[in-house]
Amino acid sequence: MSSCDTDIWIYIPRLVFDPFDLALDVTPANVVAALDRRDFLQALVLAFRLTEAELIQKVVEATPHTDIVLLAQTMPSNYVQPMLVFLAKELDHSRHVGTC
């Protein structure tokens, strides 16, 4: 009697589940709650972990210009490149950037 294995395993390197950064507290509601507490760094990190462009934009726009230096100094290094990419894209079409 022969048996046939019907399970098909496909390895796709980009879609590997990595629970390292997974947490129940990473929600859009907690991003808003962090903003309400004026915890801009926490809000930004949560927004990046959710990879929600609208939330990231909301946090960036809510961050007072006086807090930008502190935010940049305390931002975890793994979020620096995504932040720079986000800002570069925003410069192209942001309503907050004008030309002289």
C-alpha atoms as a PDB file:
ATOM      1  CA  MET A   1       0.000   0.000   0.000  1.00  0.00           C
ATOM      2  CA  SER A   2       1.395   3.383  -0.874  1.00  0.00           C
ATOM      3  CA  SER A   3       0.717   6.632   0.787  1.00  0.00           C
ATOM      4  CA  CYS A   4       0.830  10.089  -0.648  1.00  0.00           C
ATOM      5  CA  ASP A   5       1.838  13.156   1.277  1.00  0.00           C
ATOM      6  CA  THR A   6      -0.498  15.961   0.270  1.00  0.00           C
ATOM      7  CA  ASP A   7       1.256  18.656   2.297  1.00  0.00           C
ATOM      8  CA  ILE A   8       3.110  21.137   0.142  1.00  0.00           C
ATOM      9  CA  TRP A   9       5.828  23.191   1.770  1.00  0.00           C
ATOM     10  CA  ILE A  10       6.982  26.328   0.026  1.00  0.00           C
ATOM     11  CA  TYR A  11       9.785  28.426   1.393  1.00  0.00           C
ATOM     12  CA  ILE A  12       9.442  32.130   0.605  1.00  0.00           C
ATOM     13  CA  PRO A  13      12.256  34.036   2.330  1.00  0.00           C
ATOM     14  CA  ARG A  14      10.430  37.384   2.433  1.00  0.00           C
ATOM     15  CA  LEU A  15       7.367  35.957   4.149  1.00  0.00           C
ATOM     16  CA  VAL A  16       9.023  34.251   7.096  1.00  0.00           C
ATOM     17  CA  PHE A  17       7.061  34.740  10.293  1.00  0.00           C
ATOM     18  CA  ASP A  18       9.244  36.510  12.829  1.00  0.00           C
ATOM     19  CA  PRO A  19       7.552  36.954  16.211  1.00  0.00           C
ATOM     20  CA  PHE A  20      10.420  39.077  17.567  1.00  0.00           C
ATOM     21  CA  ASP A  21       8.554  42.363  17.257  1.00  0.00           C
ATOM     22  CA  LEU A  22       5.079  40.946  17.776  1.00  0.00           C
ATOM     23  CA  ALA A  23       3.069  42.188  20.718  1.00  0.00           C
ATOM     24  CA  LEU A  24      -0.555  42.631  21.637  1.00  0.00           C
ATOM     25  CA  ASP A  25      -0.003  46.284  22.504  1.00  0.00           C
ATOM     26  CA  VAL A  26       0.930  47.219  18.933  1.00  0.00           C
ATOM     27  CA  THR A  27      -2.394  48.655  17.821  1.00  0.00           C
ATOM     28  CA  PRO A  28      -3.575  51.862  16.162  1.00  0.00           C
ATOM     29  CA  ALA A  29      -5.466  52.701  19.367  1.00  0.00           C
ATOM     30  CA  ASN A  30      -2.215  52.560  21.347  1.00  0.00           C
ATOM     31  CA  VAL A  31      -0.545  54.860  18.829  1.00  0.00           C
ATOM     32  CA  VAL A  32      -3.293  57.405  19.462  1.00  0.00           C
ATOM     33  CA  ALA A  33      -3.049  56.837  23.224  1.00  0.00           C
ATOM     34  CA  ALA A  34       0.705  57.479  23.109  1.00  0.00           C
ATOM     35  CA  LEU A  35       0.054  60.694  21.181  1.00  0.00           C
ATOM     36  CA  ASP A  36      -2.506  61.741  23.784  1.00  0.00           C
ATOM     37  CA  ARG A  37       0.162  61.193  26.481  1.00  0.00           C
ATOM     38  CA  ARG A  38       2.582  63.220  24.331  1.00  0.00           C
ATOM     39  CA  ASP A  39       4.869  60.179  24.186  1.00  0.00           C
ATOM     40  CA  PHE A  40       5.901  60.848  20.606  1.00  0.00           C
ATOM     41  CA  LEU A  41       8.726  58.312  20.507  1.00  0.00           C
ATOM     42  CA  GLN A  42       6.447  55.475  21.644  1.00  0.00           C
ATOM     43  CA  ALA A  43       3.779  56.557  19.158  1.00  0.00           C
ATOM     44  CA  LEU A  44       6.306  56.658  16.319  1.00  0.00           C
ATOM     45  CA  VAL A  45       7.781  53.248  17.138  1.00  0.00           C
ATOM     46  CA  LEU A  46       4.313  51.691  17.355  1.00  0.00           C
ATOM     47  CA  ALA A  47       3.303  53.288  14.042  1.00  0.00           C
ATOM     48  CA  PHE A  48       6.423  51.937  12.337  1.00  0.00           C
ATOM     49  CA  ARG A  49       5.835  48.485  13.801  1.00  0.00           C
ATOM     50  CA  LEU A  50       2.348  48.582  12.286  1.00  0.00           C
ATOM     51  CA  THR A  51       3.802  49.887   8.984  1.00  0.00           C
ATOM     52  CA  GLU A  52       0.797  52.157   8.599  1.00  0.00           C
ATOM     53  CA  ALA A  53       1.785  55.204   6.551  1.00  0.00           C
ATOM     54  CA  GLU A  54      -1.219  57.223   7.742  1.00  0.00           C
ATOM     55  CA  LEU A  55      -0.361  56.574  11.384  1.00  0.00           C
ATOM     56  CA  ILE A  56       3.296  57.418  10.834  1.00  0.00           C
ATOM     57  CA  GLN A  57       2.271  60.664   9.158  1.00  0.00           C
ATOM     58  CA  LYS A  58      -0.129  61.458  11.998  1.00  0.00           C
ATOM     59  CA  VAL A  59       2.644  60.995  14.573  1.00  0.00           C
ATOM     60  CA  VAL A  60       5.189  62.999  12.576  1.00  0.00           C
ATOM     61  CA  GLU A  61       2.736  65.868  12.114  1.00  0.00           C
ATOM     62  CA  ALA A  62       1.732  65.795  15.805  1.00  0.00           C
ATOM     63  CA  THR A  63       5.328  65.946  17.045  1.00  0.00           C
ATOM     64  CA  PRO A  64       6.240  69.505  18.076  1.00  0.00           C
ATOM     65  CA  HIS A  65       9.291  70.894  16.295  1.00  0.00           C
ATOM     66  CA  THR A  66      10.867  71.481  19.699  1.00  0.00           C
ATOM     67  CA  ASP A  67      10.871  67.706  20.348  1.00  0.00           C
ATOM     68  CA  ILE A  68      12.439  66.605  17.059  1.00  0.00           C
ATOM     69  CA  VAL A  69      16.049  66.670  18.277  1.00  0.00           C
ATOM     70  CA  LEU A  70      15.229  64.607  21.377  1.00  0.00           C
ATOM     71  CA  LEU A  71      13.169  62.196  19.279  1.00  0.00           C
ATOM     72  CA  ALA A  72      16.033  61.749  16.813  1.00  0.00           C
ATOM     73  CA  GLN A  73      18.550  61.192  19.618  1.00  0.00           C
ATOM     74  CA  THR A  74      16.463  58.558  21.378  1.00  0.00           C
ATOM     75  CA  MET A  75      14.976  56.737  18.378  1.00  0.00           C
ATOM     76  CA  PRO A  76      16.039  53.079  18.220  1.00  0.00           C
ATOM     77  CA  SER A  77      18.574  52.662  15.427  1.00  0.00           C
ATOM     78  CA  ASN A  78      16.486  50.119  13.512  1.00  0.00           C
ATOM     79  CA  TYR A  79      13.844  52.812  12.898  1.00  0.00           C
ATOM     80  CA  VAL A  80      16.220  55.491  11.578  1.00  0.00           C
ATOM     81  CA  GLN A  81      16.352  54.256   7.986  1.00  0.00           C
ATOM     82  CA  PRO A  82      12.573  53.730   7.693  1.00  0.00           C
ATOM     83  CA  MET A  83      12.083  57.208   9.137  1.00  0.00           C
ATOM     84  CA  LEU A  84      14.450  58.763   6.612  1.00  0.00           C
ATOM     85  CA  VAL A  85      12.732  56.916   3.756  1.00  0.00           C
ATOM     86  CA  PHE A  86       9.347  58.084   5.011  1.00  0.00           C
ATOM     87  CA  LEU A  87      10.516  61.704   5.286  1.00  0.00           C
ATOM     88  CA  ALA A  88      12.081  61.624   1.821  1.00  0.00           C
ATOM     89  CA  LYS A  89       8.809  60.409   0.302  1.00  0.00           C
ATOM     90  CA  GLU A  90       6.846  63.017   2.232  1.00  0.00           C
ATOM     91  CA  LEU A  91       9.029  65.824   0.900  1.00  0.00           C
ATOM     92  CA  ASP A  92       7.722  65.069  -2.577  1.00  0.00           C
ATOM     93  CA  HIS A  93       4.062  65.682  -1.794  1.00  0.00           C
ATOM     94  CA  SER A  94       3.655  67.083   1.701  1.00  0.00           C
ATOM     95  CA  ARG A  95       1.349  70.024   2.151  1.00  0.00           C
ATOM     96  CA  HIS A  96       3.744  71.256   4.847  1.00  0.00           C
ATOM     97  CA  VAL A  97       6.650  71.914   2.499  1.00  0.00           C
ATOM     98  CA  GLY A  98       6.488  75.010   0.359  1.00  0.00           C
ATOM     99  CA  THR A  99       8.729  76.483  -2.269  1.00  0.00           C
ATOM    100  CA  CYS A 100      10.091  79.985  -2.127  1.00  0.00           C
END
